[in-house]
Protein backbone atom coordinates (compact mmCIF):
# COMPACT_ATOMS: atom_id res chain seq x y z
CA MET A 1 71.06 -53.57 -2.44
CA ALA A 2 71.51 -49.87 -1.32
CA THR A 3 74.91 -48.89 0.00
CA PRO A 4 75.46 -46.62 3.08
CA ASN A 5 76.34 -43.73 0.74
CA ASP A 6 72.98 -44.09 -1.07
CA LEU A 7 71.08 -44.00 2.23
CA ARG A 8 72.89 -40.83 3.33
CA SER A 9 72.12 -39.13 0.00
CA HIS A 10 68.42 -40.06 0.27
CA ARG A 11 68.15 -38.68 3.83
CA LEU A 12 69.88 -35.44 2.80
CA GLY A 13 67.37 -34.93 -0.06
CA MET A 14 64.43 -35.50 2.29
CA ARG A 15 65.77 -32.92 4.74
CA ARG A 16 66.20 -30.32 1.99
CA THR A 17 62.63 -30.88 0.72
CA LEU A 18 61.20 -30.52 4.24
CA SER A 19 63.19 -27.33 4.91
CA PHE A 20 61.98 -25.74 1.64
CA THR A 21 58.35 -26.59 2.50
CA LEU A 22 58.62 -25.01 5.96
CA VAL A 23 60.17 -21.82 4.58
CA LEU A 24 57.45 -21.49 1.92
CA ALA A 25 54.71 -22.02 4.51
CA SER A 26 56.16 -19.35 6.80
CA LEU A 27 56.26 -16.85 3.91
CA LEU A 28 52.64 -17.54 3.04
CA LEU A 29 51.47 -17.21 6.63
CA SER A 30 53.36 -13.94 7.16
CA ALA A 31 52.06 -12.35 3.93
CA ARG A 32 49.87 -9.29 4.33
CA ALA A 33 46.06 -9.87 4.12
CA PRO A 34 44.21 -8.24 1.22
CA ALA A 35 42.22 -5.05 1.76
CA THR A 36 38.90 -5.57 3.50
CA GLU A 37 35.59 -4.64 1.95
CA PRO A 38 34.73 -0.94 2.41
CA ASP A 39 32.28 -0.12 5.20
CA ARG A 40 28.65 -0.01 4.09
CA ARG A 41 26.77 3.21 4.79
CA THR A 42 23.40 3.16 6.50
CA LEU A 43 20.72 5.84 6.53
CA ARG A 44 17.44 6.73 8.16
CA MET A 45 14.87 7.52 5.46
CA ARG A 46 11.97 9.92 6.02
CA TYR A 47 9.42 9.83 3.17
CA SER A 48 6.50 12.22 2.72
CA ALA A 49 4.17 13.21 -0.12
CA ALA A 50 1.66 16.01 -0.57
CA ALA A 51 -2.02 15.19 -0.72
CA ASP A 52 -2.03 15.84 -4.48
CA ALA A 53 0.79 13.26 -4.90
CA ALA A 54 -0.79 10.51 -2.79
CA ARG A 55 -1.17 8.34 -5.90
CA CYS A 56 2.63 7.75 -5.98
CA PRO A 57 3.84 4.24 -4.94
CA GLY A 58 5.31 5.41 -1.59
CA ASP A 59 8.37 4.58 0.48
CA ALA A 60 7.91 0.79 0.24
CA ALA A 61 8.29 0.84 -3.56
CA LEU A 62 11.26 3.25 -3.30
CA ARG A 63 13.05 0.97 -0.80
CA GLU A 64 12.44 -2.06 -3.01
CA ARG A 65 13.93 -0.37 -6.09
CA ILE A 66 16.99 0.73 -4.09
CA LEU A 67 17.52 -2.84 -2.83
CA GLN A 68 17.46 -4.05 -6.43
CA ARG A 69 20.51 -1.85 -7.12
CA LEU A 70 22.45 -2.71 -3.94
CA ASP A 71 23.38 -6.05 -2.35
CA TYR A 72 22.39 -4.98 1.18
CA ASP A 73 19.67 -3.09 3.05
CA PRO A 74 21.01 0.43 3.76
CA PHE A 75 18.09 1.65 5.86
CA GLN A 76 18.37 1.43 9.66
CA GLU A 77 16.37 3.42 12.19
CA ASP A 78 19.45 3.86 14.42
CA ALA A 79 21.69 5.11 11.59
CA LEU A 80 23.53 8.39 12.18
CA GLU A 81 22.92 9.87 8.72
CA GLU A 82 19.44 10.78 7.49
CA ILE A 83 17.85 11.19 4.07
CA THR A 84 14.53 12.99 3.51
CA VAL A 85 12.31 12.49 0.44
CA HIS A 86 9.36 14.80 -0.27
CA ILE A 87 7.14 14.65 -3.39
CA ALA A 88 4.73 17.47 -4.26
CA PRO A 89 3.31 19.14 -7.39
CA ARG A 90 4.73 22.48 -8.49
CA GLY A 91 3.04 24.28 -11.36
CA GLY A 92 2.57 21.72 -14.12
CA ASP A 93 5.34 19.42 -12.81
CA LEU A 94 5.69 16.81 -10.09
CA VAL A 95 8.86 17.54 -8.05
CA ALA A 96 10.84 15.19 -5.76
CA GLU A 97 13.19 16.87 -3.26
CA LEU A 98 16.04 14.77 -1.83
CA THR A 99 17.92 16.02 1.27
CA TYR A 100 20.97 14.44 2.96
CA ARG A 101 21.96 15.26 6.58
CA ASP A 102 25.14 14.08 8.31
CA GLU A 103 25.51 12.55 11.78
CA HIS A 104 25.34 16.04 13.35
CA GLY A 105 22.05 16.91 11.61
CA ASP A 106 23.68 19.44 9.30
CA LEU A 107 22.62 19.73 5.66
CA ALA A 108 25.07 17.77 3.49
CA ALA A 109 23.41 17.84 0.06
CA ARG A 110 20.11 18.61 -1.65
CA ARG A 111 18.85 17.48 -5.03
CA GLU A 112 15.63 17.96 -6.98
CA PHE A 113 14.09 15.87 -9.75
CA ASN A 114 11.02 16.90 -11.74
CA ALA A 115 8.72 15.34 -14.31
CA ARG A 116 5.66 16.51 -16.19
CA ASN A 117 2.65 15.88 -13.92
CA ASN A 118 0.85 13.06 -15.70
CA ARG A 119 0.11 9.40 -14.95
CA PHE A 120 3.77 8.40 -15.63
CA ALA A 121 5.34 11.03 -13.34
CA CYS A 122 5.29 8.96 -10.11
CA ASP A 123 7.08 5.92 -11.60
CA LEU A 124 9.63 8.12 -13.36
CA LEU A 125 10.48 10.07 -10.19
CA THR A 126 10.72 6.85 -8.14
CA ASP A 127 13.31 5.50 -10.61
CA TYR A 128 15.26 8.79 -10.46
CA LEU A 129 15.31 8.72 -6.66
CA ALA A 130 16.30 5.04 -6.46
CA ALA A 131 19.18 5.49 -8.92
CA SER A 132 20.48 8.60 -7.13
CA ILE A 133 20.34 7.09 -3.61
CA ALA A 134 21.85 3.77 -4.74
CA PHE A 135 24.71 5.56 -6.50
CA THR A 136 25.43 7.62 -3.36
CA LEU A 137 25.51 4.49 -1.16
CA THR A 138 27.56 2.30 -3.53
CA PRO A 139 30.85 1.43 -1.73
CA PHE A 140 34.06 1.68 -3.75
CA ALA A 141 37.58 0.49 -2.90
CA TRP A 142 38.87 4.06 -2.49
CA ASP A 143 36.16 4.76 0.11
CA ALA A 144 37.60 2.24 2.59
CA PRO A 145 39.80 3.66 5.38
CA PRO A 146 43.51 2.82 5.11
CA PRO A 147 44.57 -0.19 7.24
CA PRO A 148 46.37 0.68 10.49
CA ASP A 149 50.13 0.56 10.45
CA ALA A 150 51.29 -2.88 11.42
CA GLU A 151 54.29 -3.63 13.51
CA PRO A 152 57.63 -3.72 11.67
CA SER A 153 57.25 -6.37 9.07
CA ARG A 154 59.77 -8.89 8.13
CA PRO A 155 61.60 -8.46 4.86
CA GLU A 156 59.30 -9.55 2.09
CA VAL A 157 60.40 -11.67 -0.75
CA ALA A 158 58.35 -9.77 -3.33
CA PRO A 159 55.84 -6.89 -3.19
CA PRO A 160 52.20 -7.94 -3.34
CA ALA A 161 50.41 -7.71 -6.63
CA PRO A 162 48.39 -4.51 -7.13
CA PRO A 163 44.65 -4.89 -6.53
CA PRO A 164 42.38 -5.11 -9.56
CA PRO A 165 40.80 -1.84 -10.74
CA PRO A 166 37.44 -1.01 -9.17
CA PRO A 167 34.28 -1.79 -11.15
CA PRO A 168 32.80 1.09 -13.14
CA PRO A 169 30.10 2.99 -11.25
CA PRO A 170 26.45 2.52 -12.28
CA PRO A 171 25.01 5.13 -14.64
CA ALA A 172 24.04 8.34 -12.91
CA PRO A 173 20.48 9.68 -13.19
CA PRO A 174 19.80 12.35 -15.79
CA PRO A 175 21.25 15.67 -14.59
CA VAL A 176 18.88 18.37 -13.47
CA PRO A 177 19.54 21.68 -15.28
CA ALA A 178 21.20 24.17 -12.96
CA ALA A 179 18.74 26.87 -13.96
CA LEU A 180 15.87 24.75 -12.69
CA SER A 181 17.50 23.77 -9.39
CA GLN A 182 18.82 27.25 -8.53
CA ARG A 183 15.97 29.50 -9.61
CA ALA A 184 13.39 30.62 -7.11
CA SER A 185 10.59 28.12 -6.69
CA PRO A 186 7.28 29.40 -8.07
CA PRO A 187 4.29 29.31 -5.74
CA ALA A 188 2.55 25.96 -5.76
CA THR A 189 -0.79 25.92 -7.56
CA THR A 190 -3.63 23.42 -7.39
CA TRP A 191 -5.07 24.06 -10.86
CA LEU A 192 -3.78 23.19 -14.30
CA PRO A 193 -3.60 25.63 -17.24
CA ALA A 194 -6.92 26.59 -18.80
CA GLN A 195 -7.99 24.80 -21.99
CA LEU A 196 -9.71 26.20 -25.07
CA GLY A 197 -11.27 23.96 -27.69
CA LEU A 198 -13.46 23.54 -30.74
CA GLY A 199 -15.70 20.60 -31.56
CA MET A 200 -18.90 19.39 -33.18
CA ILE A 201 -22.14 18.29 -31.56
CA GLY A 202 -24.98 16.16 -32.87
CA GLY A 203 -28.10 14.89 -31.20
CA VAL A 204 -31.72 13.82 -31.33
CA GLY A 205 -34.76 14.91 -29.32
CA ASP A 206 -38.29 13.60 -29.00
CA ALA A 207 -39.69 16.99 -30.02
CA SER A 208 -36.92 18.60 -32.05
CA GLY A 209 -35.70 15.62 -34.13
CA LEU A 210 -32.12 15.58 -35.42
CA PHE A 211 -29.85 18.59 -34.87
CA GLY A 212 -26.16 19.49 -34.93
CA GLY A 213 -23.61 22.28 -35.12
CA PRO A 214 -20.26 23.67 -33.93
CA GLN A 215 -19.26 23.93 -30.29
CA TRP A 216 -16.76 26.21 -28.50
CA VAL A 217 -15.32 25.11 -25.13
CA ILE A 218 -13.33 26.71 -22.29
CA LYS A 219 -12.33 24.47 -19.37
CA VAL A 220 -10.49 24.91 -16.07
CA ARG A 221 -9.28 21.75 -14.31
CA TRP A 222 -7.89 21.24 -10.81
CA GLN A 223 -5.20 18.69 -9.89
CA SER A 224 -7.61 17.09 -7.44
CA GLY A 225 -9.61 15.74 -10.41
CA PHE A 226 -12.41 18.33 -10.68
CA SER A 227 -13.11 20.59 -13.65
CA VAL A 228 -15.63 23.22 -14.78
CA SER A 229 -16.30 23.84 -18.46
CA MET A 230 -18.39 26.44 -20.30
CA GLU A 231 -19.62 25.64 -23.81
CA SER A 232 -21.40 27.67 -26.49
CA ARG A 233 -23.23 26.11 -29.45
CA ALA A 234 -24.96 27.20 -32.61
CA VAL A 235 -27.51 24.46 -33.36
CA PHE A 236 -29.19 23.71 -36.70
CA HIS A 237 -32.23 21.43 -36.95
CA ALA A 238 -32.76 18.90 -39.71
CA GLN A 239 -36.54 19.27 -39.33
CA THR A 240 -37.46 22.93 -38.98
CA GLU A 241 -41.24 22.52 -38.55
CA ARG A 242 -42.37 21.50 -35.09
CA PRO A 243 -45.88 20.94 -33.67
CA LEU A 244 -46.67 23.12 -30.62
CA SER A 245 -49.78 24.12 -28.74
CA ILE A 246 -50.88 27.40 -27.16
CA ALA A 247 -52.57 27.31 -23.77
CA LYS A 248 -54.92 30.29 -23.80
CA GLY A 249 -56.19 32.29 -20.83
CA PRO A 250 -59.67 32.23 -19.27
CA THR A 251 -62.52 31.81 -21.75
CA GLN A 252 -65.44 34.19 -21.41
CA GLY A 253 -68.57 32.53 -20.15
CA ALA A 254 -66.84 29.52 -18.74
CA GLY A 255 -68.99 27.68 -16.30
CA SER A 256 -66.36 25.75 -14.38
CA PRO A 257 -62.59 25.91 -13.59
CA GLY A 258 -62.00 23.14 -16.06
CA ASP A 259 -63.26 25.40 -18.82
CA ASN A 260 -60.91 28.27 -17.99
CA LYS A 261 -58.35 27.36 -20.64
CA ALA A 262 -58.55 26.30 -24.25
CA SER A 263 -55.78 24.87 -26.37
CA GLN A 264 -55.07 25.38 -30.01
CA GLY A 265 -52.71 23.29 -32.12
CA GLY A 266 -50.41 24.39 -34.89
CA PHE A 267 -46.92 24.22 -36.38
CA VAL A 268 -43.98 26.56 -35.94
CA THR A 269 -40.76 26.93 -37.92
CA VAL A 270 -37.48 26.86 -36.00
CA GLU A 271 -35.33 29.66 -37.40
CA GLY A 272 -32.29 28.82 -35.25
CA ARG A 273 -31.02 28.19 -31.76
CA PHE A 274 -28.05 29.32 -29.69
CA ASP A 275 -27.33 27.88 -26.24
CA SER A 276 -24.68 27.79 -23.53
CA THR A 277 -23.81 24.92 -21.19
CA VAL A 278 -22.08 24.76 -17.81
CA ALA A 279 -20.70 21.35 -16.71
CA ALA A 280 -19.09 20.39 -13.40
CA CYS A 281 -17.06 17.19 -13.82
CA VAL A 282 -15.10 14.60 -11.84
CA HIS A 283 -12.13 12.96 -13.65
CA SER A 284 -10.75 9.50 -12.88
CA ARG A 285 -7.15 8.35 -13.39
CA ARG A 286 -8.13 6.30 -16.45
CA LEU A 287 -9.23 9.14 -18.76
CA VAL A 288 -12.95 8.77 -17.92
CA PHE A 289 -15.04 11.60 -16.49
CA GLY A 290 -18.64 12.20 -15.40
CA CYS A 291 -20.50 15.52 -15.12
CA GLY A 292 -23.63 17.30 -14.08
CA VAL A 293 -24.86 19.59 -16.88
CA VAL A 294 -27.09 22.69 -16.99
CA GLU A 295 -28.04 24.22 -20.36
CA PHE A 296 -29.55 27.62 -21.21
CA GLY A 297 -30.63 28.61 -24.71
CA VAL A 298 -32.88 30.64 -26.97
CA GLU A 299 -34.85 29.38 -30.01
CA GLN A 300 -36.29 31.74 -32.59
CA LEU A 301 -39.66 30.56 -33.94
CA SER A 302 -41.90 31.85 -36.71
CA GLY A 303 -45.34 30.94 -37.95
CA THR A 304 -46.84 30.43 -34.50
CA PRO A 305 -50.60 30.01 -34.35
CA GLU A 306 -52.49 33.32 -34.24
CA ASN A 307 -49.20 35.20 -34.26
CA ALA A 308 -47.27 35.96 -37.42
CA ALA A 309 -44.43 37.77 -35.67
CA PRO A 310 -41.29 35.74 -34.80
CA LEU A 311 -41.06 34.65 -31.18
CA GLU A 312 -38.05 33.85 -29.03
CA LEU A 313 -38.42 30.71 -26.94
CA ALA A 314 -36.25 30.39 -23.79
CA VAL A 315 -34.94 26.87 -23.19
CA MET A 316 -33.55 25.40 -19.98
CA ALA A 317 -32.26 21.83 -19.52
CA ALA A 318 -30.46 19.70 -16.92
CA GLY A 319 -28.93 16.23 -17.07
CA LEU A 320 -25.84 14.04 -16.90
CA ARG A 321 -22.72 13.60 -19.04
CA GLY A 322 -20.09 10.88 -19.45
CA GLY A 323 -16.98 10.89 -21.62
CA ILE A 324 -13.26 10.38 -22.11
CA GLU A 325 -10.34 12.81 -22.50
CA LEU A 326 -7.00 11.72 -23.99
CA THR A 327 -3.92 13.99 -23.67
CA PHE A 328 -1.11 13.94 -26.25
CA ARG A 329 1.97 16.13 -26.76
CA ARG A 330 1.31 17.51 -23.25
CA VAL A 331 -0.84 20.47 -24.37
CA PHE A 332 -3.43 18.87 -26.68
CA SER A 333 -6.42 16.78 -25.63
CA PHE A 334 -9.08 14.89 -27.58
CA TYR A 335 -12.48 14.58 -25.92
CA ALA A 336 -15.64 12.63 -26.70
CA GLN A 337 -18.75 12.87 -24.56
CA ALA A 338 -22.44 11.95 -24.43
CA ASP A 339 -25.21 13.97 -22.73
CA GLY A 340 -28.71 13.08 -21.66
CA LEU A 341 -30.89 16.14 -20.92
CA ALA A 342 -34.48 16.84 -19.91
CA ALA A 343 -35.54 20.29 -21.13
CA VAL A 344 -38.48 22.63 -20.66
CA ALA A 345 -39.07 25.59 -23.00
CA ALA A 346 -41.52 28.37 -22.18
CA MET A 347 -42.38 31.81 -23.60
CA ASP A 348 -44.93 34.44 -22.69
CA ASP A 349 -46.02 36.58 -25.61
CA GLY A 350 -46.33 39.65 -23.33
CA SER A 351 -50.11 39.96 -23.30
CA GLY A 352 -50.54 37.82 -20.21
CA ARG A 353 -53.15 35.69 -21.97
CA GLU A 354 -51.18 33.10 -23.90
CA THR A 355 -48.19 30.90 -23.02
CA LEU A 356 -46.32 28.71 -25.50
CA ARG A 357 -44.81 25.64 -23.78
CA THR A 358 -43.19 22.35 -24.77
CA SER A 359 -41.21 19.63 -22.91
CA ARG A 360 -38.57 17.36 -24.45
CA VAL A 361 -35.79 14.84 -23.76
CA THR A 362 -32.59 15.07 -25.83
CA ALA A 363 -29.50 12.91 -26.25
CA THR A 364 -26.32 14.40 -27.76
CA LEU A 365 -22.85 13.24 -28.81
CA SER A 366 -19.95 15.67 -29.18
CA ALA A 367 -16.22 15.46 -29.83
CA GLY A 368 -13.38 17.89 -30.41
CA LEU A 369 -9.88 19.10 -29.56
CA LEU A 370 -8.65 21.13 -26.57
CA ARG A 371 -5.39 23.04 -26.17
CA ALA A 372 -3.89 24.09 -22.84
CA PHE A 373 -2.56 27.63 -22.37
């Protein structure tokens, strides 16, 4: 059985435990609160793109890629600060200009990013812009304003533990060389550098048989997808003899209009042919192009009926073309194309009495290399 002294000792221990608990609770409640999260910046974004850069994903894709790098939506229409994004071609590059303005509308910063103007340029510039904007808007602990001075605090038992170090910032986008950002901007152009090339052509015709030879090409292409090329060819025929007919003038003593002309058959030998072609083409985004083609040429013939002297036969043709063009190492292109042409060749021997004429349909395949200058 407990004695009165034991009961007093037990009560004294309970009181001490309760007093220690109350003191500890008061210290915890009076401790200073940790630093609050830094304020998140908001912006108004104005996005624009030139007509030649309309293929780029646009502001919706840019906002989505920025949200992937941040944990909040930084874009508000009533925000005080503004950011302007403009994408346009410049020379052979696609350039994105990024401009920051503060709450007073004054210019705060300006950056430029450029990429070679090809089918990958839009995605590459969108990644550059998203990384740069997200890095600018990332809040860090040192960006938060200092807490207001509190009223005189009670003596603290121990100083609070230092806050953990801030996380490392995300990787910055590739730096733009200062020479590129500071030099004077060249005037914007809508055409790409001219291309010169060399290739081979081969084909077949209903009148001329198999033929082939070298081909020289010069091409000018616009960024809107149009191009004009001029080609010169030296053509060699596998079968040099060709049947032709001469339509002769009025026959003496003819009794009716149907008897005004007589025809005479024969064979001629094709000594050679040189022609030039002009093609106006439309290029798609997937390397394919289509063209309208006009061809002019001269064939040298010998052994014509009733005429031993060589004759020059003028050739004209028109038709359609389809092909592909693949660019590699930025300045080189491989092309392959197919033509279908309907041609008419005519020659007057100068006497006014005889005309040599033939019609034909030809199909050709050609391929070669182009280099931009």
